[in-house]
Amino acid sequence: MTDPITRFITRNLELRPVPSLPGIVLYTAHSGSRLSRLASADDAAPYWAWQWAGGLALAHHFTRHPERVAGKRVLDLGAGSGLVGIVAAKAGALASAAEIDLNGRAAIALNAAANAVALPLVDIDISGDAPAGIDLIAAGDVFYSAEVAALMLPFLRKCRAAGIEVLIGDPDRRDLPLGELERLASYQVGDVGDARASAERVGSVYRLRV
């Protein structure tokens, strides 16, 4: 018997192809999903129910450059839907995902199964030390507010200092620490998460400098 969160997602969200990423499908919210009925324990916003520009940029980057992740232990940090980890796994990575939203964790498990990849969930404390056993951290859309950025950047600095490569996907939001980043690539992405007149947006992939 499935748990209530899993049952809600499969009944109320639609398993849809991700535009411009052939072969990838995700459970995605639509106008009839009524996500307000699915409250998180911490009342977190349901970011996991859509694709966002930073995650899409990382996914495009790994699709075009699978050598960046193939054979590496990749952590999808703040994974949301699990899109980045799923694409990394399909490119040959030993991928895992970290997500604190209980609803998001359920969605990641469903999305990984729908795409026939293994994407185990791991617990990461961003107030603690850099995680062991990780070669690359892929962090999509983790600088969406000043408050979150203030927590995330020190953790990512610690990870980089520990020898972990850190790649960040973002559409150049206000709180992105551009002075510490090297832009690797930019992609036209359809950011379906933002309420915008146009779905077109540019998402970039950055490397955190040492």
N, C-alpha and C. Protein backbone atom coordinates (compact mmCIF):
# COMPACT_ATOMS: atom_id res chain seq x y z
N MET A 1 0.85 -1.20 0.00
CA MET A 1 0.00 0.00 0.00
C MET A 1 0.89 1.25 0.00
N THR A 2 0.60 2.17 -0.88
CA THR A 2 1.41 3.39 -0.99
C THR A 2 1.06 4.37 0.11
N ASP A 3 2.03 5.26 0.43
CA ASP A 3 1.79 6.26 1.45
C ASP A 3 0.94 7.39 0.86
N PRO A 4 0.33 8.23 1.71
CA PRO A 4 -0.59 9.28 1.21
C PRO A 4 0.07 10.27 0.26
N ILE A 5 1.33 10.65 0.52
CA ILE A 5 1.99 11.62 -0.35
C ILE A 5 2.19 11.04 -1.74
N THR A 6 2.70 9.81 -1.80
CA THR A 6 2.91 9.16 -3.09
C THR A 6 1.60 9.00 -3.83
N ARG A 7 0.56 8.63 -3.12
CA ARG A 7 -0.75 8.45 -3.74
C ARG A 7 -1.27 9.77 -4.29
N PHE A 8 -1.10 10.86 -3.54
CA PHE A 8 -1.55 12.16 -4.00
C PHE A 8 -0.81 12.57 -5.28
N ILE A 9 0.50 12.41 -5.30
CA ILE A 9 1.29 12.83 -6.47
C ILE A 9 0.88 12.06 -7.71
N THR A 10 0.75 10.75 -7.59
CA THR A 10 0.41 9.94 -8.77
C THR A 10 -1.00 10.20 -9.27
N ARG A 11 -1.89 10.62 -8.36
CA ARG A 11 -3.28 10.87 -8.76
C ARG A 11 -3.51 12.29 -9.26
N ASN A 12 -2.73 13.24 -8.77
CA ASN A 12 -3.05 14.65 -9.03
C ASN A 12 -2.04 15.41 -9.88
N LEU A 13 -0.84 14.87 -10.05
CA LEU A 13 0.13 15.47 -10.96
C LEU A 13 0.20 14.61 -12.21
N GLU A 14 0.72 15.19 -13.27
CA GLU A 14 0.82 14.47 -14.54
C GLU A 14 2.26 14.11 -14.84
N LEU A 15 2.49 12.89 -15.28
CA LEU A 15 3.82 12.47 -15.70
C LEU A 15 4.05 12.99 -17.11
N ARG A 16 4.85 14.05 -17.20
CA ARG A 16 5.01 14.77 -18.47
C ARG A 16 6.47 14.74 -18.94
N PRO A 17 6.68 14.71 -20.27
CA PRO A 17 8.05 14.87 -20.78
C PRO A 17 8.59 16.25 -20.43
N VAL A 18 9.88 16.33 -20.17
CA VAL A 18 10.53 17.62 -19.93
C VAL A 18 10.93 18.21 -21.28
N PRO A 19 10.43 19.39 -21.63
CA PRO A 19 10.75 19.97 -22.93
C PRO A 19 12.26 20.06 -23.16
N SER A 20 12.69 19.67 -24.32
CA SER A 20 14.08 19.75 -24.79
C SER A 20 15.02 18.79 -24.08
N LEU A 21 14.49 17.89 -23.26
CA LEU A 21 15.31 16.85 -22.66
C LEU A 21 14.69 15.49 -23.01
N PRO A 22 14.95 15.00 -24.22
CA PRO A 22 14.31 13.76 -24.69
C PRO A 22 14.54 12.60 -23.73
N GLY A 23 13.47 11.87 -23.48
CA GLY A 23 13.57 10.67 -22.66
C GLY A 23 13.40 10.92 -21.18
N ILE A 24 13.24 12.17 -20.75
CA ILE A 24 13.07 12.49 -19.32
C ILE A 24 11.62 12.87 -19.07
N VAL A 25 11.02 12.23 -18.07
CA VAL A 25 9.65 12.56 -17.67
C VAL A 25 9.64 12.85 -16.17
N LEU A 26 8.75 13.76 -15.77
CA LEU A 26 8.63 14.13 -14.36
C LEU A 26 7.16 14.31 -13.99
N TYR A 27 6.81 13.97 -12.77
CA TYR A 27 5.49 14.32 -12.26
C TYR A 27 5.45 15.83 -12.06
N THR A 28 4.54 16.48 -12.79
CA THR A 28 4.51 17.94 -12.87
C THR A 28 3.13 18.47 -12.51
N ALA A 29 3.10 19.56 -11.76
CA ALA A 29 1.82 20.16 -11.37
C ALA A 29 1.15 20.83 -12.56
N HIS A 30 -0.15 20.94 -12.48
CA HIS A 30 -0.94 21.62 -13.50
C HIS A 30 -2.08 22.34 -12.80
N SER A 31 -2.95 22.98 -13.57
CA SER A 31 -3.97 23.84 -12.96
C SER A 31 -4.94 23.08 -12.07
N GLY A 32 -5.07 21.78 -12.29
CA GLY A 32 -6.01 21.00 -11.48
C GLY A 32 -5.38 20.21 -10.37
N SER A 33 -4.10 20.43 -10.11
CA SER A 33 -3.41 19.62 -9.11
C SER A 33 -3.81 19.93 -7.67
N ARG A 34 -4.18 21.18 -7.40
CA ARG A 34 -4.61 21.59 -6.06
C ARG A 34 -3.59 21.20 -5.00
N LEU A 35 -2.38 21.69 -5.21
CA LEU A 35 -1.27 21.34 -4.32
C LEU A 35 -1.48 21.84 -2.89
N SER A 36 -2.38 22.78 -2.71
CA SER A 36 -2.64 23.28 -1.36
C SER A 36 -3.17 22.19 -0.45
N ARG A 37 -3.71 21.12 -1.03
CA ARG A 37 -4.20 20.01 -0.22
C ARG A 37 -3.06 19.15 0.31
N LEU A 38 -1.86 19.35 -0.25
CA LEU A 38 -0.71 18.53 0.14
C LEU A 38 0.24 19.40 0.94
N ALA A 39 -0.01 19.54 2.20
CA ALA A 39 0.80 20.43 3.05
C ALA A 39 2.01 19.68 3.56
N SER A 40 3.18 20.33 3.49
CA SER A 40 4.39 19.77 4.06
C SER A 40 4.38 19.96 5.57
N ALA A 41 5.19 19.17 6.24
CA ALA A 41 5.30 19.30 7.69
C ALA A 41 5.81 20.69 8.06
N ASP A 42 6.66 21.25 7.21
CA ASP A 42 7.21 22.58 7.48
C ASP A 42 6.61 23.65 6.59
N ASP A 43 5.51 23.31 5.90
CA ASP A 43 4.82 24.25 5.02
C ASP A 43 5.73 24.79 3.91
N ALA A 44 6.66 23.96 3.46
CA ALA A 44 7.57 24.38 2.39
C ALA A 44 6.79 24.54 1.09
N ALA A 45 7.20 25.52 0.30
CA ALA A 45 6.58 25.70 -1.01
C ALA A 45 6.88 24.48 -1.89
N PRO A 46 5.96 24.09 -2.77
CA PRO A 46 6.15 22.87 -3.56
C PRO A 46 7.04 23.09 -4.78
N TYR A 47 8.29 23.49 -4.54
CA TYR A 47 9.23 23.72 -5.64
C TYR A 47 9.45 22.45 -6.47
N TRP A 48 9.30 21.31 -5.86
CA TRP A 48 9.54 20.03 -6.51
C TRP A 48 8.54 19.72 -7.62
N ALA A 49 7.45 20.46 -7.68
CA ALA A 49 6.37 20.13 -8.61
C ALA A 49 6.54 20.75 -9.99
N TRP A 50 7.59 21.53 -10.18
CA TRP A 50 7.89 22.15 -11.48
C TRP A 50 9.39 22.06 -11.75
N GLN A 51 9.76 22.36 -12.99
CA GLN A 51 11.18 22.46 -13.34
C GLN A 51 11.58 23.93 -13.31
N TRP A 52 12.79 24.20 -12.83
CA TRP A 52 13.28 25.56 -12.67
C TRP A 52 14.52 25.77 -13.52
N ALA A 53 14.82 27.02 -13.80
CA ALA A 53 15.85 27.36 -14.79
C ALA A 53 17.23 26.81 -14.43
N GLY A 54 17.61 26.91 -13.16
CA GLY A 54 18.94 26.44 -12.78
C GLY A 54 19.09 24.94 -12.92
N GLY A 55 18.09 24.21 -12.45
CA GLY A 55 18.13 22.76 -12.60
C GLY A 55 18.10 22.34 -14.06
N LEU A 56 17.29 23.03 -14.85
CA LEU A 56 17.25 22.71 -16.29
C LEU A 56 18.60 22.97 -16.94
N ALA A 57 19.27 24.05 -16.55
CA ALA A 57 20.59 24.34 -17.13
C ALA A 57 21.58 23.23 -16.80
N LEU A 58 21.60 22.78 -15.54
CA LEU A 58 22.49 21.68 -15.17
C LEU A 58 22.14 20.41 -15.93
N ALA A 59 20.85 20.14 -16.07
CA ALA A 59 20.42 18.95 -16.79
C ALA A 59 20.87 19.00 -18.26
N HIS A 60 20.71 20.16 -18.90
CA HIS A 60 21.18 20.31 -20.27
C HIS A 60 22.70 20.14 -20.34
N HIS A 61 23.39 20.67 -19.36
CA HIS A 61 24.85 20.60 -19.37
C HIS A 61 25.32 19.15 -19.26
N PHE A 62 24.71 18.38 -18.39
CA PHE A 62 25.12 16.98 -18.23
C PHE A 62 24.70 16.14 -19.43
N THR A 63 23.61 16.53 -20.08
CA THR A 63 23.19 15.81 -21.29
C THR A 63 24.18 16.05 -22.42
N ARG A 64 24.64 17.28 -22.56
CA ARG A 64 25.57 17.62 -23.63
C ARG A 64 27.00 17.23 -23.30
N HIS A 65 27.32 17.16 -22.03
CA HIS A 65 28.69 16.84 -21.61
C HIS A 65 28.66 15.73 -20.56
N PRO A 66 28.27 14.52 -20.95
CA PRO A 66 28.16 13.44 -19.97
C PRO A 66 29.48 13.09 -19.31
N GLU A 67 30.59 13.44 -19.97
CA GLU A 67 31.89 13.16 -19.37
C GLU A 67 32.12 13.94 -18.08
N ARG A 68 31.34 14.99 -17.86
CA ARG A 68 31.49 15.78 -16.63
C ARG A 68 31.06 15.00 -15.40
N VAL A 69 30.17 14.01 -15.60
CA VAL A 69 29.63 13.28 -14.45
C VAL A 69 29.81 11.77 -14.53
N ALA A 70 30.10 11.24 -15.70
CA ALA A 70 30.19 9.79 -15.86
C ALA A 70 31.23 9.20 -14.90
N GLY A 71 30.82 8.19 -14.15
CA GLY A 71 31.71 7.53 -13.22
C GLY A 71 31.95 8.26 -11.92
N LYS A 72 31.33 9.43 -11.75
CA LYS A 72 31.55 10.23 -10.53
C LYS A 72 30.38 10.04 -9.55
N ARG A 73 30.68 10.29 -8.29
CA ARG A 73 29.66 10.28 -7.25
C ARG A 73 29.09 11.69 -7.16
N VAL A 74 27.88 11.85 -7.67
CA VAL A 74 27.27 13.16 -7.84
C VAL A 74 26.12 13.33 -6.86
N LEU A 75 26.11 14.45 -6.15
CA LEU A 75 25.01 14.77 -5.25
C LEU A 75 24.18 15.89 -5.84
N ASP A 76 22.90 15.63 -6.04
CA ASP A 76 21.93 16.65 -6.45
C ASP A 76 21.43 17.32 -5.17
N LEU A 77 21.94 18.51 -4.88
CA LEU A 77 21.67 19.20 -3.62
C LEU A 77 20.47 20.12 -3.76
N GLY A 78 19.52 20.01 -2.82
CA GLY A 78 18.28 20.77 -2.96
C GLY A 78 17.55 20.28 -4.20
N ALA A 79 17.36 18.97 -4.27
CA ALA A 79 17.06 18.30 -5.54
C ALA A 79 15.69 18.62 -6.11
N GLY A 80 14.73 19.01 -5.27
CA GLY A 80 13.41 19.32 -5.81
C GLY A 80 12.76 18.11 -6.43
N SER A 81 12.61 18.11 -7.74
CA SER A 81 12.02 16.99 -8.46
C SER A 81 13.00 15.84 -8.68
N GLY A 82 14.30 16.11 -8.49
CA GLY A 82 15.31 15.10 -8.78
C GLY A 82 15.81 15.14 -10.21
N LEU A 83 15.39 16.14 -10.98
CA LEU A 83 15.75 16.21 -12.40
C LEU A 83 17.26 16.12 -12.62
N VAL A 84 18.03 16.91 -11.90
CA VAL A 84 19.48 16.96 -12.15
C VAL A 84 20.12 15.61 -11.83
N GLY A 85 19.73 15.01 -10.72
CA GLY A 85 20.27 13.71 -10.37
C GLY A 85 19.88 12.63 -11.36
N ILE A 86 18.65 12.70 -11.86
CA ILE A 86 18.19 11.72 -12.85
C ILE A 86 19.02 11.81 -14.12
N VAL A 87 19.23 13.03 -14.61
CA VAL A 87 20.02 13.20 -15.83
C VAL A 87 21.47 12.76 -15.59
N ALA A 88 22.02 13.08 -14.42
CA ALA A 88 23.38 12.65 -14.10
C ALA A 88 23.48 11.13 -14.09
N ALA A 89 22.49 10.49 -13.50
CA ALA A 89 22.49 9.02 -13.46
C ALA A 89 22.42 8.43 -14.86
N LYS A 90 21.59 9.02 -15.71
CA LYS A 90 21.50 8.53 -17.08
C LYS A 90 22.80 8.75 -17.85
N ALA A 91 23.60 9.73 -17.42
CA ALA A 91 24.88 10.01 -18.06
C ALA A 91 26.01 9.15 -17.48
N GLY A 92 25.67 8.27 -16.54
CA GLY A 92 26.68 7.35 -16.02
C GLY A 92 27.22 7.67 -14.65
N ALA A 93 26.60 8.63 -13.96
CA ALA A 93 27.04 8.97 -12.62
C ALA A 93 26.44 8.03 -11.59
N LEU A 94 27.10 7.91 -10.45
CA LEU A 94 26.53 7.29 -9.27
C LEU A 94 25.90 8.43 -8.49
N ALA A 95 24.64 8.68 -8.76
CA ALA A 95 23.98 9.89 -8.29
C ALA A 95 23.16 9.64 -7.04
N SER A 96 23.05 10.67 -6.20
CA SER A 96 22.18 10.67 -5.04
C SER A 96 21.52 12.04 -4.96
N ALA A 97 20.52 12.16 -4.10
CA ALA A 97 19.76 13.41 -4.01
C ALA A 97 19.54 13.78 -2.55
N ALA A 98 19.63 15.07 -2.28
CA ALA A 98 19.33 15.61 -0.94
C ALA A 98 18.20 16.61 -1.06
N GLU A 99 17.14 16.37 -0.31
CA GLU A 99 15.97 17.25 -0.33
C GLU A 99 15.28 17.15 1.03
N ILE A 100 14.99 18.30 1.66
CA ILE A 100 14.42 18.26 3.00
C ILE A 100 12.89 18.20 2.99
N ASP A 101 12.25 18.63 1.91
CA ASP A 101 10.79 18.61 1.83
C ASP A 101 10.31 17.16 1.70
N LEU A 102 9.46 16.72 2.61
CA LEU A 102 8.99 15.34 2.58
C LEU A 102 8.22 15.04 1.29
N ASN A 103 7.45 16.00 0.81
CA ASN A 103 6.73 15.82 -0.44
C ASN A 103 7.71 15.71 -1.61
N GLY A 104 8.74 16.54 -1.59
CA GLY A 104 9.77 16.47 -2.61
C GLY A 104 10.49 15.13 -2.61
N ARG A 105 10.76 14.60 -1.43
CA ARG A 105 11.44 13.30 -1.34
C ARG A 105 10.59 12.20 -1.99
N ALA A 106 9.28 12.27 -1.76
CA ALA A 106 8.39 11.29 -2.39
C ALA A 106 8.38 11.46 -3.91
N ALA A 107 8.38 12.72 -4.36
CA ALA A 107 8.39 12.98 -5.81
C ALA A 107 9.69 12.50 -6.44
N ILE A 108 10.81 12.67 -5.76
CA ILE A 108 12.09 12.20 -6.29
C ILE A 108 12.06 10.70 -6.50
N ALA A 109 11.55 9.97 -5.52
CA ALA A 109 11.47 8.51 -5.66
C ALA A 109 10.60 8.12 -6.85
N LEU A 110 9.47 8.80 -7.01
CA LEU A 110 8.59 8.49 -8.14
C LEU A 110 9.24 8.86 -9.47
N ASN A 111 9.87 10.01 -9.53
CA ASN A 111 10.49 10.45 -10.78
C ASN A 111 11.67 9.56 -11.16
N ALA A 112 12.46 9.14 -10.18
CA ALA A 112 13.57 8.24 -10.48
C ALA A 112 13.05 6.92 -11.05
N ALA A 113 12.00 6.37 -10.44
CA ALA A 113 11.43 5.12 -10.93
C ALA A 113 10.87 5.30 -12.34
N ALA A 114 10.21 6.44 -12.60
CA ALA A 114 9.63 6.68 -13.92
C ALA A 114 10.69 6.78 -15.00
N ASN A 115 11.92 7.16 -14.61
CA ASN A 115 13.01 7.29 -15.56
C ASN A 115 13.99 6.12 -15.49
N ALA A 116 13.63 5.11 -14.71
CA ALA A 116 14.40 3.86 -14.62
C ALA A 116 15.84 4.08 -14.19
N VAL A 117 16.03 4.93 -13.17
CA VAL A 117 17.37 5.15 -12.62
C VAL A 117 17.31 5.00 -11.10
N ALA A 118 18.45 4.72 -10.52
CA ALA A 118 18.58 4.71 -9.06
C ALA A 118 19.03 6.09 -8.61
N LEU A 119 18.28 6.67 -7.67
CA LEU A 119 18.63 7.99 -7.14
C LEU A 119 18.32 7.98 -5.64
N PRO A 120 19.19 7.36 -4.85
CA PRO A 120 18.92 7.27 -3.42
C PRO A 120 18.92 8.63 -2.75
N LEU A 121 18.07 8.77 -1.75
CA LEU A 121 17.99 9.99 -0.97
C LEU A 121 19.01 9.94 0.17
N VAL A 122 19.70 11.05 0.39
CA VAL A 122 20.66 11.15 1.48
C VAL A 122 20.34 12.38 2.31
N ASP A 123 20.73 12.34 3.56
CA ASP A 123 20.51 13.47 4.46
C ASP A 123 21.80 14.29 4.54
N ILE A 124 21.70 15.58 4.27
CA ILE A 124 22.84 16.49 4.30
C ILE A 124 22.53 17.63 5.27
N ASP A 125 23.46 17.90 6.15
CA ASP A 125 23.33 19.03 7.09
C ASP A 125 24.21 20.17 6.58
N ILE A 126 23.60 21.20 6.01
CA ILE A 126 24.41 22.27 5.42
C ILE A 126 25.03 23.17 6.49
N SER A 127 24.70 22.93 7.75
CA SER A 127 25.38 23.65 8.82
C SER A 127 26.61 22.88 9.31
N GLY A 128 26.80 21.69 8.76
CA GLY A 128 27.90 20.85 9.20
C GLY A 128 29.05 20.81 8.21
N ASP A 129 29.80 19.71 8.26
CA ASP A 129 30.98 19.56 7.42
C ASP A 129 30.60 19.12 6.01
N ALA A 130 31.57 19.18 5.11
CA ALA A 130 31.38 18.69 3.75
C ALA A 130 31.11 17.19 3.80
N PRO A 131 30.21 16.68 2.97
CA PRO A 131 29.89 15.26 3.00
C PRO A 131 31.04 14.42 2.45
N ALA A 132 31.18 13.23 2.99
CA ALA A 132 32.19 12.30 2.51
C ALA A 132 31.64 11.51 1.32
N GLY A 133 32.56 11.01 0.49
CA GLY A 133 32.15 10.13 -0.59
C GLY A 133 31.45 10.80 -1.74
N ILE A 134 31.69 12.10 -1.95
CA ILE A 134 31.07 12.84 -3.05
C ILE A 134 32.17 13.48 -3.88
N ASP A 135 32.08 13.32 -5.21
CA ASP A 135 33.04 13.95 -6.12
C ASP A 135 32.55 15.29 -6.64
N LEU A 136 31.23 15.41 -6.82
CA LEU A 136 30.67 16.61 -7.45
C LEU A 136 29.31 16.91 -6.83
N ILE A 137 29.11 18.16 -6.48
CA ILE A 137 27.80 18.63 -6.03
C ILE A 137 27.18 19.47 -7.14
N ALA A 138 25.96 19.11 -7.50
CA ALA A 138 25.19 19.88 -8.48
C ALA A 138 24.07 20.57 -7.73
N ALA A 139 24.12 21.90 -7.68
CA ALA A 139 23.17 22.68 -6.88
C ALA A 139 22.38 23.59 -7.81
N GLY A 140 21.17 23.21 -8.09
CA GLY A 140 20.32 24.02 -8.98
C GLY A 140 19.37 24.88 -8.19
N ASP A 141 19.35 26.17 -8.48
CA ASP A 141 18.36 27.11 -7.92
C ASP A 141 18.41 27.18 -6.39
N VAL A 142 19.61 27.15 -5.83
CA VAL A 142 19.74 27.21 -4.37
C VAL A 142 20.02 28.63 -3.86
N PHE A 143 20.06 29.61 -4.76
CA PHE A 143 20.28 31.00 -4.36
C PHE A 143 19.05 31.85 -4.68
N TYR A 144 17.87 31.29 -4.38
CA TYR A 144 16.64 31.99 -4.75
C TYR A 144 16.22 33.05 -3.75
N SER A 145 16.89 33.12 -2.60
CA SER A 145 16.60 34.18 -1.64
C SER A 145 17.85 34.48 -0.84
N ALA A 146 17.89 35.66 -0.24
CA ALA A 146 19.06 36.05 0.55
C ALA A 146 19.24 35.14 1.75
N GLU A 147 18.13 34.73 2.35
CA GLU A 147 18.20 33.89 3.54
C GLU A 147 18.80 32.52 3.22
N VAL A 148 18.35 31.93 2.14
CA VAL A 148 18.87 30.62 1.75
C VAL A 148 20.31 30.74 1.29
N ALA A 149 20.62 31.79 0.55
CA ALA A 149 21.99 31.99 0.08
C ALA A 149 22.96 32.11 1.24
N ALA A 150 22.54 32.77 2.31
CA ALA A 150 23.41 32.96 3.47
C ALA A 150 23.74 31.64 4.15
N LEU A 151 22.88 30.65 4.01
CA LEU A 151 23.14 29.32 4.56
C LEU A 151 23.91 28.45 3.58
N MET A 152 23.57 28.56 2.31
CA MET A 152 24.12 27.66 1.30
C MET A 152 25.56 27.97 0.94
N LEU A 153 25.90 29.24 0.79
CA LEU A 153 27.24 29.58 0.30
C LEU A 153 28.35 29.10 1.23
N PRO A 154 28.26 29.31 2.55
CA PRO A 154 29.33 28.79 3.41
C PRO A 154 29.50 27.28 3.32
N PHE A 155 28.38 26.57 3.19
CA PHE A 155 28.46 25.12 3.05
C PHE A 155 29.17 24.73 1.76
N LEU A 156 28.80 25.37 0.65
CA LEU A 156 29.42 25.04 -0.63
C LEU A 156 30.89 25.42 -0.65
N ARG A 157 31.25 26.49 0.05
CA ARG A 157 32.67 26.83 0.17
C ARG A 157 33.43 25.72 0.89
N LYS A 158 32.83 25.19 1.96
CA LYS A 158 33.48 24.10 2.69
C LYS A 158 33.64 22.87 1.80
N CYS A 159 32.63 22.59 1.00
CA CYS A 159 32.70 21.44 0.09
C CYS A 159 33.81 21.64 -0.93
N ARG A 160 33.91 22.82 -1.48
CA ARG A 160 34.95 23.09 -2.47
C ARG A 160 36.34 22.99 -1.83
N ALA A 161 36.49 23.52 -0.62
CA ALA A 161 37.77 23.44 0.09
C ALA A 161 38.15 22.00 0.40
N ALA A 162 37.15 21.13 0.53
CA ALA A 162 37.40 19.72 0.80
C ALA A 162 37.71 18.92 -0.47
N GLY A 163 37.75 19.60 -1.61
CA GLY A 163 38.10 18.93 -2.86
C GLY A 163 36.93 18.47 -3.69
N ILE A 164 35.71 18.83 -3.29
CA ILE A 164 34.52 18.46 -4.06
C ILE A 164 34.26 19.53 -5.11
N GLU A 165 34.08 19.12 -6.34
CA GLU A 165 33.71 20.09 -7.38
C GLU A 165 32.27 20.53 -7.14
N VAL A 166 32.02 21.83 -7.28
CA VAL A 166 30.68 22.38 -7.04
C VAL A 166 30.22 23.10 -8.31
N LEU A 167 29.14 22.61 -8.88
CA LEU A 167 28.51 23.26 -10.04
C LEU A 167 27.16 23.80 -9.61
N ILE A 168 26.88 25.01 -10.02
CA ILE A 168 25.66 25.71 -9.62
C ILE A 168 24.89 26.09 -10.89
N GLY A 169 23.60 25.80 -10.87
CA GLY A 169 22.73 26.21 -11.97
C GLY A 169 21.81 27.32 -11.52
N ASP A 170 21.75 28.40 -12.28
CA ASP A 170 20.95 29.55 -11.86
C ASP A 170 20.71 30.49 -13.05
N PRO A 171 19.56 31.18 -13.07
CA PRO A 171 19.29 32.18 -14.10
C PRO A 171 19.73 33.58 -13.69
N ASP A 172 20.83 33.66 -12.96
CA ASP A 172 21.40 34.94 -12.51
C ASP A 172 20.45 35.71 -11.60
N ARG A 173 20.00 35.04 -10.57
CA ARG A 173 19.18 35.72 -9.57
C ARG A 173 20.02 36.70 -8.76
N ARG A 174 19.34 37.57 -8.04
CA ARG A 174 19.98 38.66 -7.34
C ARG A 174 21.02 38.18 -6.33
N ASP A 175 20.77 37.07 -5.64
CA ASP A 175 21.64 36.63 -4.55
C ASP A 175 22.69 35.63 -4.97
N LEU A 176 22.86 35.43 -6.26
CA LEU A 176 23.91 34.55 -6.76
C LEU A 176 25.28 35.21 -6.54
N PRO A 177 26.24 34.51 -5.92
CA PRO A 177 27.55 35.12 -5.61
C PRO A 177 28.48 35.10 -6.82
N LEU A 178 28.18 35.93 -7.79
CA LEU A 178 28.90 35.88 -9.07
C LEU A 178 30.40 36.09 -8.91
N GLY A 179 30.81 36.85 -7.90
CA GLY A 179 32.23 37.11 -7.70
C GLY A 179 33.03 35.87 -7.36
N GLU A 180 32.37 34.79 -6.95
CA GLU A 180 33.06 33.55 -6.58
C GLU A 180 32.86 32.45 -7.61
N LEU A 181 32.25 32.79 -8.74
CA LEU A 181 31.86 31.77 -9.70
C LEU A 181 32.51 31.97 -11.06
N GLU A 182 32.68 30.85 -11.76
CA GLU A 182 33.14 30.86 -13.15
C GLU A 182 32.03 30.29 -14.02
N ARG A 183 31.56 31.09 -14.96
CA ARG A 183 30.48 30.62 -15.84
C ARG A 183 31.03 29.62 -16.84
N LEU A 184 30.41 28.44 -16.91
CA LEU A 184 30.84 27.40 -17.84
C LEU A 184 30.01 27.38 -19.11
N ALA A 185 28.71 27.60 -18.98
CA ALA A 185 27.82 27.51 -20.14
C ALA A 185 26.48 28.15 -19.81
N SER A 186 25.75 28.54 -20.85
CA SER A 186 24.40 29.06 -20.69
C SER A 186 23.48 28.37 -21.68
N TYR A 187 22.22 28.18 -21.27
CA TYR A 187 21.26 27.45 -22.09
C TYR A 187 19.91 28.16 -22.07
N GLN A 188 19.24 28.16 -23.21
CA GLN A 188 17.86 28.61 -23.26
C GLN A 188 17.00 27.51 -22.66
N VAL A 189 16.28 27.86 -21.61
CA VAL A 189 15.48 26.85 -20.93
C VAL A 189 14.05 27.34 -20.78
N GLY A 190 13.12 26.43 -20.74
CA GLY A 190 11.73 26.76 -20.50
C GLY A 190 11.42 26.62 -19.02
N ASP A 191 11.57 27.70 -18.28
CA ASP A 191 11.37 27.68 -16.84
C ASP A 191 9.87 27.70 -16.55
N VAL A 192 9.30 26.52 -16.32
CA VAL A 192 7.86 26.46 -16.11
C VAL A 192 7.48 26.75 -14.68
N GLY A 193 8.47 26.96 -13.81
CA GLY A 193 8.16 27.25 -12.41
C GLY A 193 7.81 28.69 -12.14
N ASP A 194 8.33 29.60 -12.93
CA ASP A 194 8.07 31.02 -12.70
C ASP A 194 6.79 31.47 -13.41
N ALA A 195 6.07 32.36 -12.75
CA ALA A 195 4.88 32.94 -13.38
C ALA A 195 5.34 34.08 -14.28
N ARG A 196 5.59 33.76 -15.54
CA ARG A 196 6.13 34.72 -16.47
C ARG A 196 5.28 34.74 -17.73
N ALA A 197 5.29 35.88 -18.42
CA ALA A 197 4.55 35.98 -19.67
C ALA A 197 5.15 35.04 -20.71
N SER A 198 6.47 34.82 -20.66
CA SER A 198 7.15 33.93 -21.58
C SER A 198 7.86 32.85 -20.80
N ALA A 199 7.84 31.62 -21.32
CA ALA A 199 8.54 30.51 -20.66
C ALA A 199 10.02 30.52 -20.99
N GLU A 200 10.45 31.40 -21.89
CA GLU A 200 11.86 31.41 -22.29
C GLU A 200 12.70 32.08 -21.22
N ARG A 201 13.82 31.47 -20.91
CA ARG A 201 14.72 32.02 -19.92
C ARG A 201 16.10 31.43 -20.15
N VAL A 202 17.13 32.15 -19.75
CA VAL A 202 18.49 31.64 -19.86
C VAL A 202 18.94 31.15 -18.49
N GLY A 203 19.36 29.92 -18.43
CA GLY A 203 19.94 29.36 -17.22
C GLY A 203 21.41 29.09 -17.46
N SER A 204 22.24 29.39 -16.48
CA SER A 204 23.68 29.21 -16.64
C SER A 204 24.21 28.19 -15.64
N VAL A 205 25.32 27.57 -16.02
CA VAL A 205 26.03 26.64 -15.14
C VAL A 205 27.33 27.29 -14.73
N TYR A 206 27.56 27.34 -13.44
CA TYR A 206 28.76 27.97 -12.87
C TYR A 206 29.56 26.95 -12.07
N ARG A 207 30.87 27.17 -12.03
CA ARG A 207 31.73 26.41 -11.13
C ARG A 207 32.15 27.32 -9.99
N LEU A 208 32.03 26.83 -8.76
CA LEU A 208 32.51 27.58 -7.61
C LEU A 208 34.03 27.49 -7.57
N ARG A 209 34.67 28.67 -7.51
CA ARG A 209 36.13 28.72 -7.49
C ARG A 209 36.65 28.27 -6.12
N VAL A 210 37.90 27.86 -6.13
CA VAL A 210 38.55 27.47 -4.87
C VAL A 210 38.76 28.70 -4.00
